[in-house]
Amino acid sequence: MMNISNMVTDKVGQFNYEKLPFFLLGDAFSIFRKPYFMIIDNYLILATSVSELESYNDTYFNRKFIGKTDQYTQFDNLLAERSNVAFFINFKNMQPLLKRDLKRPFYDAFENSDPGWKNYYGAAFQLTASDRNFYTNFCMRLNVPDTSAVKK
């Protein structure tokens, strides 16, 4: 990393070359021009700003991951115990990406339909192969209603 980057702080560096992650890791990294990075437990973490990396560092070391929340635990209890491949979407966290990537009429339907997608906590799709059989599992869970809200 020393030859292709400059260290901004003791833990954070920035690549010297534009689109380096794209050329090395593929199309999913095309949004990064000259990203900042840090290495935590031998994982390369990329971000567009130092503050994002500091936020991730805090989340990582203080165990604030989504997998530690009560809502995710309740959702996880609905899923099959094992799978070969699993995809999970948290709709609240995905909202900025959906807004950016969906065509306007589809995103408007997502945002304004009631009830609609925004009323769901998340969705999971699992693929499992066992004993020459192939199984799929699809699961969605509604948001937990806010019982502390007062209706007028």
N, C-alpha and C. Protein backbone atom coordinates (compact mmCIF):
# COMPACT_ATOMS: atom_id res chain seq x y z
N MET A 1 0.82 -1.18 0.00
CA MET A 1 0.00 0.00 0.00
C MET A 1 0.87 1.26 0.00
N MET A 2 2.08 1.14 0.51
CA MET A 2 2.96 2.31 0.61
C MET A 2 3.27 2.91 -0.76
N ASN A 3 3.39 2.06 -1.79
CA ASN A 3 3.78 2.54 -3.12
C ASN A 3 2.63 3.18 -3.90
N ILE A 4 1.39 2.90 -3.51
CA ILE A 4 0.26 3.39 -4.30
C ILE A 4 -0.62 4.39 -3.53
N SER A 5 -0.18 4.80 -2.33
CA SER A 5 -1.01 5.69 -1.53
C SER A 5 -0.17 6.60 -0.64
N ASN A 6 -0.86 7.60 -0.07
CA ASN A 6 -0.26 8.47 0.94
C ASN A 6 -1.09 8.35 2.20
N MET A 7 -0.43 8.29 3.33
CA MET A 7 -1.14 8.21 4.60
C MET A 7 -1.59 9.60 5.03
N VAL A 8 -2.88 9.74 5.33
CA VAL A 8 -3.46 11.00 5.78
C VAL A 8 -3.32 11.12 7.29
N THR A 9 -3.59 10.03 8.01
CA THR A 9 -3.39 9.94 9.45
C THR A 9 -2.63 8.65 9.72
N ASP A 10 -2.49 8.30 10.98
CA ASP A 10 -1.79 7.06 11.31
C ASP A 10 -2.50 5.83 10.77
N LYS A 11 -3.84 5.90 10.70
CA LYS A 11 -4.63 4.73 10.29
C LYS A 11 -5.28 4.86 8.92
N VAL A 12 -5.38 6.06 8.38
CA VAL A 12 -6.12 6.32 7.15
C VAL A 12 -5.18 6.77 6.04
N GLY A 13 -5.36 6.18 4.84
CA GLY A 13 -4.59 6.57 3.67
C GLY A 13 -5.50 6.91 2.51
N GLN A 14 -4.91 7.47 1.46
CA GLN A 14 -5.67 7.77 0.24
C GLN A 14 -4.86 7.30 -0.95
N PHE A 15 -5.53 6.63 -1.89
CA PHE A 15 -4.85 6.15 -3.09
C PHE A 15 -4.34 7.31 -3.92
N ASN A 16 -3.18 7.13 -4.55
CA ASN A 16 -2.59 8.15 -5.40
C ASN A 16 -3.21 8.19 -6.79
N TYR A 17 -3.83 7.10 -7.21
CA TYR A 17 -4.32 6.96 -8.57
C TYR A 17 -5.83 6.90 -8.61
N GLU A 18 -6.43 7.51 -9.62
CA GLU A 18 -7.89 7.50 -9.76
C GLU A 18 -8.37 6.13 -10.21
N LYS A 19 -9.54 5.75 -9.68
CA LYS A 19 -10.25 4.52 -10.05
C LYS A 19 -9.45 3.24 -9.84
N LEU A 20 -8.48 3.26 -8.96
CA LEU A 20 -7.68 2.07 -8.69
C LEU A 20 -8.53 0.89 -8.21
N PRO A 21 -9.47 1.08 -7.25
CA PRO A 21 -10.31 -0.06 -6.85
C PRO A 21 -11.14 -0.62 -8.01
N PHE A 22 -11.60 0.25 -8.90
CA PHE A 22 -12.35 -0.21 -10.07
C PHE A 22 -11.50 -1.12 -10.94
N PHE A 23 -10.27 -0.72 -11.22
CA PHE A 23 -9.40 -1.52 -12.08
C PHE A 23 -8.98 -2.83 -11.42
N LEU A 24 -8.83 -2.82 -10.10
CA LEU A 24 -8.38 -4.02 -9.40
C LEU A 24 -9.52 -4.94 -8.97
N LEU A 25 -10.67 -4.35 -8.59
CA LEU A 25 -11.73 -5.14 -7.97
C LEU A 25 -13.02 -5.22 -8.78
N GLY A 26 -13.15 -4.40 -9.83
CA GLY A 26 -14.31 -4.54 -10.69
C GLY A 26 -15.29 -3.39 -10.64
N ASP A 27 -16.37 -3.55 -11.40
CA ASP A 27 -17.34 -2.51 -11.66
C ASP A 27 -18.04 -1.99 -10.40
N ALA A 28 -18.21 -2.83 -9.41
CA ALA A 28 -18.90 -2.40 -8.19
C ALA A 28 -18.16 -1.25 -7.50
N PHE A 29 -16.89 -1.08 -7.80
CA PHE A 29 -16.08 -0.04 -7.16
C PHE A 29 -15.86 1.17 -8.07
N SER A 30 -16.66 1.29 -9.12
CA SER A 30 -16.48 2.39 -10.07
C SER A 30 -16.83 3.75 -9.47
N ILE A 31 -17.60 3.79 -8.39
CA ILE A 31 -17.97 5.07 -7.79
C ILE A 31 -16.81 5.72 -7.04
N PHE A 32 -15.79 4.97 -6.73
CA PHE A 32 -14.64 5.51 -6.00
C PHE A 32 -13.64 6.10 -6.98
N ARG A 33 -13.33 7.38 -6.85
CA ARG A 33 -12.30 8.02 -7.66
C ARG A 33 -10.93 7.78 -7.01
N LYS A 34 -10.64 8.51 -5.97
CA LYS A 34 -9.41 8.33 -5.18
C LYS A 34 -9.84 8.14 -3.73
N PRO A 35 -10.31 6.93 -3.41
CA PRO A 35 -10.90 6.73 -2.09
C PRO A 35 -9.87 6.74 -0.96
N TYR A 36 -10.41 7.00 0.21
CA TYR A 36 -9.63 6.84 1.43
C TYR A 36 -9.78 5.39 1.86
N PHE A 37 -8.83 4.90 2.61
CA PHE A 37 -8.91 3.51 3.06
C PHE A 37 -8.30 3.37 4.44
N MET A 38 -8.67 2.29 5.09
CA MET A 38 -8.01 1.85 6.31
C MET A 38 -8.06 0.33 6.32
N ILE A 39 -7.17 -0.25 7.06
CA ILE A 39 -7.14 -1.71 7.17
C ILE A 39 -7.44 -2.06 8.62
N ILE A 40 -8.50 -2.85 8.80
CA ILE A 40 -8.91 -3.30 10.13
C ILE A 40 -8.97 -4.82 10.11
N ASP A 41 -8.21 -5.46 10.97
CA ASP A 41 -8.18 -6.93 11.05
C ASP A 41 -7.98 -7.56 9.67
N ASN A 42 -7.06 -7.02 8.90
CA ASN A 42 -6.70 -7.48 7.56
C ASN A 42 -7.83 -7.33 6.53
N TYR A 43 -8.81 -6.47 6.80
CA TYR A 43 -9.84 -6.12 5.83
C TYR A 43 -9.56 -4.72 5.31
N LEU A 44 -9.65 -4.56 3.99
CA LEU A 44 -9.48 -3.25 3.38
C LEU A 44 -10.84 -2.56 3.37
N ILE A 45 -10.93 -1.42 4.04
CA ILE A 45 -12.16 -0.65 4.12
C ILE A 45 -11.99 0.59 3.27
N LEU A 46 -12.89 0.81 2.30
CA LEU A 46 -12.83 1.96 1.41
C LEU A 46 -13.98 2.91 1.71
N ALA A 47 -13.72 4.22 1.57
CA ALA A 47 -14.76 5.23 1.75
C ALA A 47 -14.37 6.48 0.99
N THR A 48 -15.34 7.36 0.80
CA THR A 48 -15.08 8.59 0.06
C THR A 48 -14.58 9.72 0.95
N SER A 49 -14.62 9.53 2.27
CA SER A 49 -14.11 10.58 3.17
C SER A 49 -13.50 9.95 4.43
N VAL A 50 -12.68 10.73 5.08
CA VAL A 50 -12.05 10.28 6.33
C VAL A 50 -13.11 10.11 7.41
N SER A 51 -14.10 11.01 7.45
CA SER A 51 -15.13 10.91 8.48
C SER A 51 -15.95 9.62 8.36
N GLU A 52 -16.19 9.14 7.15
CA GLU A 52 -16.88 7.86 6.97
C GLU A 52 -16.06 6.72 7.55
N LEU A 53 -14.76 6.76 7.32
CA LEU A 53 -13.89 5.72 7.88
C LEU A 53 -13.85 5.78 9.40
N GLU A 54 -13.82 6.99 9.96
CA GLU A 54 -13.85 7.12 11.42
C GLU A 54 -15.16 6.59 11.99
N SER A 55 -16.27 6.86 11.30
CA SER A 55 -17.56 6.36 11.73
C SER A 55 -17.58 4.83 11.67
N TYR A 56 -17.06 4.26 10.59
CA TYR A 56 -17.01 2.80 10.48
C TYR A 56 -16.12 2.21 11.56
N ASN A 57 -15.00 2.85 11.82
CA ASN A 57 -14.07 2.38 12.86
C ASN A 57 -14.78 2.34 14.21
N ASP A 58 -15.56 3.39 14.53
CA ASP A 58 -16.32 3.43 15.77
C ASP A 58 -17.36 2.31 15.80
N THR A 59 -18.08 2.13 14.71
CA THR A 59 -19.09 1.08 14.62
C THR A 59 -18.45 -0.30 14.80
N TYR A 60 -17.32 -0.52 14.16
CA TYR A 60 -16.65 -1.82 14.19
C TYR A 60 -16.17 -2.15 15.60
N PHE A 61 -15.47 -1.24 16.22
CA PHE A 61 -14.87 -1.54 17.52
C PHE A 61 -15.86 -1.43 18.68
N ASN A 62 -16.96 -0.73 18.50
CA ASN A 62 -17.98 -0.65 19.55
C ASN A 62 -19.17 -1.56 19.26
N ARG A 63 -19.03 -2.42 18.26
CA ARG A 63 -20.02 -3.44 17.92
C ARG A 63 -21.43 -2.87 17.75
N LYS A 64 -21.55 -1.86 16.91
CA LYS A 64 -22.85 -1.23 16.64
C LYS A 64 -23.45 -1.73 15.33
N PHE A 65 -23.07 -2.91 14.90
CA PHE A 65 -23.54 -3.44 13.62
C PHE A 65 -25.04 -3.74 13.65
N ILE A 66 -25.65 -3.75 12.49
CA ILE A 66 -27.08 -4.03 12.37
C ILE A 66 -27.40 -5.42 12.92
N GLY A 67 -26.47 -6.34 12.81
CA GLY A 67 -26.68 -7.70 13.31
C GLY A 67 -26.81 -7.78 14.81
N LYS A 68 -26.51 -6.72 15.51
CA LYS A 68 -26.61 -6.69 16.97
C LYS A 68 -27.91 -6.04 17.45
N THR A 69 -28.74 -5.55 16.54
CA THR A 69 -29.98 -4.88 16.94
C THR A 69 -31.09 -5.89 17.19
N ASP A 70 -32.07 -5.50 18.01
CA ASP A 70 -33.20 -6.39 18.33
C ASP A 70 -34.03 -6.70 17.09
N GLN A 71 -34.25 -5.68 16.23
CA GLN A 71 -35.07 -5.91 15.03
C GLN A 71 -34.41 -6.94 14.12
N TYR A 72 -33.09 -6.85 13.94
CA TYR A 72 -32.42 -7.83 13.08
C TYR A 72 -32.49 -9.22 13.70
N THR A 73 -32.33 -9.31 15.00
CA THR A 73 -32.39 -10.62 15.67
C THR A 73 -33.77 -11.25 15.46
N GLN A 74 -34.83 -10.44 15.57
CA GLN A 74 -36.17 -10.94 15.33
C GLN A 74 -36.33 -11.39 13.88
N PHE A 75 -35.76 -10.62 12.95
CA PHE A 75 -35.82 -10.98 11.53
C PHE A 75 -35.04 -12.28 11.29
N ASP A 76 -33.86 -12.37 11.86
CA ASP A 76 -33.00 -13.54 11.68
C ASP A 76 -33.67 -14.82 12.18
N ASN A 77 -34.49 -14.71 13.20
CA ASN A 77 -35.20 -15.88 13.73
C ASN A 77 -36.20 -16.45 12.73
N LEU A 78 -36.59 -15.68 11.73
CA LEU A 78 -37.52 -16.15 10.70
C LEU A 78 -36.83 -16.94 9.60
N LEU A 79 -35.51 -16.81 9.48
CA LEU A 79 -34.77 -17.40 8.38
C LEU A 79 -34.37 -18.84 8.66
N ALA A 80 -34.09 -19.55 7.58
CA ALA A 80 -33.57 -20.91 7.71
C ALA A 80 -32.22 -20.86 8.40
N GLU A 81 -31.91 -21.90 9.15
CA GLU A 81 -30.68 -21.91 9.93
C GLU A 81 -29.43 -21.92 9.04
N ARG A 82 -29.51 -22.60 7.91
CA ARG A 82 -28.34 -22.70 7.02
C ARG A 82 -28.73 -22.38 5.59
N SER A 83 -27.77 -21.83 4.86
CA SER A 83 -27.94 -21.64 3.42
C SER A 83 -26.56 -21.49 2.80
N ASN A 84 -26.47 -21.78 1.50
CA ASN A 84 -25.20 -21.62 0.80
C ASN A 84 -24.96 -20.15 0.44
N VAL A 85 -26.04 -19.47 0.04
CA VAL A 85 -25.95 -18.06 -0.33
C VAL A 85 -27.17 -17.36 0.26
N ALA A 86 -26.94 -16.19 0.86
CA ALA A 86 -28.05 -15.43 1.44
C ALA A 86 -27.87 -13.96 1.10
N PHE A 87 -28.98 -13.31 0.75
CA PHE A 87 -29.00 -11.88 0.48
C PHE A 87 -29.95 -11.25 1.49
N PHE A 88 -29.55 -10.13 2.06
CA PHE A 88 -30.38 -9.41 3.02
C PHE A 88 -30.44 -7.94 2.61
N ILE A 89 -31.65 -7.37 2.65
CA ILE A 89 -31.84 -5.96 2.34
C ILE A 89 -32.57 -5.32 3.51
N ASN A 90 -31.98 -4.29 4.08
CA ASN A 90 -32.64 -3.48 5.09
C ASN A 90 -33.16 -2.25 4.35
N PHE A 91 -34.49 -2.11 4.26
CA PHE A 91 -35.07 -1.08 3.41
C PHE A 91 -34.72 0.33 3.88
N LYS A 92 -34.61 0.55 5.17
CA LYS A 92 -34.25 1.88 5.67
C LYS A 92 -32.84 2.26 5.21
N ASN A 93 -31.91 1.33 5.31
CA ASN A 93 -30.54 1.60 4.88
C ASN A 93 -30.40 1.67 3.36
N MET A 94 -31.29 0.99 2.64
CA MET A 94 -31.22 0.95 1.18
C MET A 94 -31.89 2.16 0.52
N GLN A 95 -32.64 2.95 1.29
CA GLN A 95 -33.43 4.02 0.70
C GLN A 95 -32.60 4.98 -0.17
N PRO A 96 -31.43 5.45 0.27
CA PRO A 96 -30.66 6.35 -0.62
C PRO A 96 -30.25 5.68 -1.93
N LEU A 97 -29.91 4.40 -1.88
CA LEU A 97 -29.53 3.69 -3.11
C LEU A 97 -30.73 3.49 -4.02
N LEU A 98 -31.87 3.16 -3.43
CA LEU A 98 -33.07 2.99 -4.23
C LEU A 98 -33.46 4.31 -4.89
N LYS A 99 -33.35 5.40 -4.15
CA LYS A 99 -33.66 6.72 -4.70
C LYS A 99 -32.74 7.06 -5.87
N ARG A 100 -31.48 6.70 -5.73
CA ARG A 100 -30.51 6.99 -6.78
C ARG A 100 -30.68 6.10 -8.01
N ASP A 101 -30.98 4.82 -7.79
CA ASP A 101 -30.93 3.85 -8.88
C ASP A 101 -32.27 3.50 -9.52
N LEU A 102 -33.38 3.67 -8.79
CA LEU A 102 -34.68 3.35 -9.38
C LEU A 102 -35.17 4.50 -10.25
N LYS A 103 -35.92 4.15 -11.27
CA LYS A 103 -36.57 5.19 -12.07
C LYS A 103 -37.58 5.89 -11.19
N ARG A 104 -37.81 7.17 -11.46
CA ARG A 104 -38.61 8.03 -10.61
C ARG A 104 -40.00 7.46 -10.27
N PRO A 105 -40.76 6.94 -11.25
CA PRO A 105 -42.09 6.40 -10.89
C PRO A 105 -42.02 5.22 -9.91
N PHE A 106 -41.00 4.38 -10.04
CA PHE A 106 -40.87 3.24 -9.14
C PHE A 106 -40.48 3.70 -7.74
N TYR A 107 -39.56 4.67 -7.66
CA TYR A 107 -39.17 5.16 -6.34
C TYR A 107 -40.34 5.91 -5.68
N ASP A 108 -41.10 6.67 -6.45
CA ASP A 108 -42.26 7.36 -5.89
C ASP A 108 -43.26 6.35 -5.30
N ALA A 109 -43.46 5.24 -6.01
CA ALA A 109 -44.35 4.19 -5.51
C ALA A 109 -43.77 3.59 -4.22
N PHE A 110 -42.46 3.41 -4.16
CA PHE A 110 -41.81 2.89 -2.96
C PHE A 110 -42.01 3.84 -1.79
N GLU A 111 -41.82 5.12 -2.03
CA GLU A 111 -41.84 6.11 -0.96
C GLU A 111 -43.25 6.49 -0.52
N ASN A 112 -44.20 6.53 -1.46
CA ASN A 112 -45.51 7.09 -1.15
C ASN A 112 -46.62 6.07 -0.95
N SER A 113 -46.44 4.84 -1.35
CA SER A 113 -47.50 3.83 -1.19
C SER A 113 -47.68 3.51 0.29
N ASP A 114 -48.95 3.41 0.70
CA ASP A 114 -49.20 3.08 2.10
C ASP A 114 -50.36 2.11 2.17
N PRO A 115 -50.21 0.89 2.55
CA PRO A 115 -48.94 0.29 2.93
C PRO A 115 -48.08 0.02 1.69
N GLY A 116 -46.78 -0.08 1.93
CA GLY A 116 -45.85 -0.30 0.83
C GLY A 116 -44.52 -0.83 1.34
N TRP A 117 -43.53 -0.82 0.47
CA TRP A 117 -42.21 -1.35 0.79
C TRP A 117 -41.60 -0.69 2.02
N LYS A 118 -41.84 0.61 2.17
CA LYS A 118 -41.23 1.32 3.30
C LYS A 118 -41.76 0.83 4.64
N ASN A 119 -42.86 0.09 4.64
CA ASN A 119 -43.41 -0.46 5.87
C ASN A 119 -42.72 -1.76 6.30
N TYR A 120 -41.79 -2.23 5.48
CA TYR A 120 -41.07 -3.45 5.79
C TYR A 120 -39.69 -3.14 6.36
N TYR A 121 -39.30 -3.93 7.35
CA TYR A 121 -37.96 -3.79 7.92
C TYR A 121 -36.91 -4.26 6.93
N GLY A 122 -37.13 -5.46 6.39
CA GLY A 122 -36.14 -6.01 5.47
C GLY A 122 -36.69 -7.20 4.71
N ALA A 123 -35.83 -7.71 3.84
CA ALA A 123 -36.15 -8.90 3.05
C ALA A 123 -34.89 -9.74 2.93
N ALA A 124 -35.09 -11.05 2.84
CA ALA A 124 -33.96 -11.96 2.67
C ALA A 124 -34.33 -13.03 1.65
N PHE A 125 -33.33 -13.40 0.88
CA PHE A 125 -33.48 -14.46 -0.12
C PHE A 125 -32.34 -15.43 0.12
N GLN A 126 -32.66 -16.70 0.37
CA GLN A 126 -31.64 -17.70 0.66
C GLN A 126 -31.67 -18.80 -0.39
N LEU A 127 -30.50 -19.25 -0.78
CA LEU A 127 -30.35 -20.34 -1.73
C LEU A 127 -29.57 -21.46 -1.03
N THR A 128 -30.11 -22.69 -1.12
CA THR A 128 -29.48 -23.81 -0.45
C THR A 128 -29.46 -25.01 -1.38
N ALA A 129 -28.33 -25.70 -1.41
CA ALA A 129 -28.22 -26.95 -2.15
C ALA A 129 -27.83 -28.04 -1.17
N SER A 130 -28.59 -29.16 -1.21
CA SER A 130 -28.32 -30.25 -0.29
C SER A 130 -28.84 -31.55 -0.90
N ASP A 131 -28.05 -32.59 -0.85
CA ASP A 131 -28.45 -33.92 -1.34
C ASP A 131 -29.09 -33.88 -2.72
N ARG A 132 -28.44 -33.22 -3.64
CA ARG A 132 -28.88 -33.11 -5.03
C ARG A 132 -30.23 -32.41 -5.18
N ASN A 133 -30.59 -31.61 -4.19
CA ASN A 133 -31.80 -30.80 -4.24
C ASN A 133 -31.43 -29.33 -4.08
N PHE A 134 -32.31 -28.49 -4.56
CA PHE A 134 -32.08 -27.05 -4.49
C PHE A 134 -33.28 -26.41 -3.82
N TYR A 135 -33.03 -25.60 -2.78
CA TYR A 135 -34.11 -24.97 -2.02
C TYR A 135 -33.93 -23.45 -2.02
N THR A 136 -35.05 -22.75 -2.00
CA THR A 136 -35.02 -21.29 -1.86
C THR A 136 -35.91 -20.89 -0.70
N ASN A 137 -35.58 -19.78 -0.11
CA ASN A 137 -36.36 -19.24 1.00
C ASN A 137 -36.41 -17.73 0.81
N PHE A 138 -37.61 -17.16 0.82
CA PHE A 138 -37.77 -15.72 0.72
C PHE A 138 -38.57 -15.26 1.92
N CYS A 139 -38.10 -14.23 2.59
CA CYS A 139 -38.75 -13.78 3.81
C CYS A 139 -38.74 -12.26 3.87
N MET A 140 -39.86 -11.69 4.31
CA MET A 140 -39.96 -10.24 4.55
C MET A 140 -40.59 -10.05 5.92
N ARG A 141 -40.22 -8.95 6.58
CA ARG A 141 -40.77 -8.67 7.90
C ARG A 141 -41.20 -7.22 7.97
N LEU A 142 -42.41 -7.00 8.51
CA LEU A 142 -42.91 -5.65 8.70
C LEU A 142 -42.13 -4.94 9.80
N ASN A 143 -42.07 -3.61 9.71
CA ASN A 143 -41.47 -2.83 10.78
C ASN A 143 -42.24 -3.05 12.07
N VAL A 144 -41.53 -2.96 13.17
CA VAL A 144 -42.19 -3.03 14.47
C VAL A 144 -42.85 -1.68 14.71
N PRO A 145 -44.15 -1.66 15.01
CA PRO A 145 -44.81 -0.37 15.23
C PRO A 145 -44.23 0.35 16.45
N ASP A 146 -44.17 1.66 16.37
CA ASP A 146 -43.67 2.48 17.46
C ASP A 146 -44.79 2.65 18.49
N THR A 147 -44.68 1.94 19.60
CA THR A 147 -45.73 1.99 20.61
C THR A 147 -45.60 3.22 21.51
N SER A 148 -44.49 3.92 21.40
CA SER A 148 -44.32 5.11 22.24
C SER A 148 -44.92 6.36 21.61
N ALA A 149 -45.31 6.26 20.33
CA ALA A 149 -45.90 7.42 19.65
C ALA A 149 -47.30 7.68 20.20
N VAL A 150 -47.60 8.94 20.36
CA VAL A 150 -48.91 9.35 20.87
C VAL A 150 -49.74 9.88 19.71
N LYS A 151 -50.93 9.31 19.53
CA LYS A 151 -51.82 9.79 18.47
C LYS A 151 -52.67 10.92 19.01
N LYS A 152 -52.88 11.93 18.16
CA LYS A 152 -53.73 13.06 18.55
C LYS A 152 -55.08 12.96 17.91
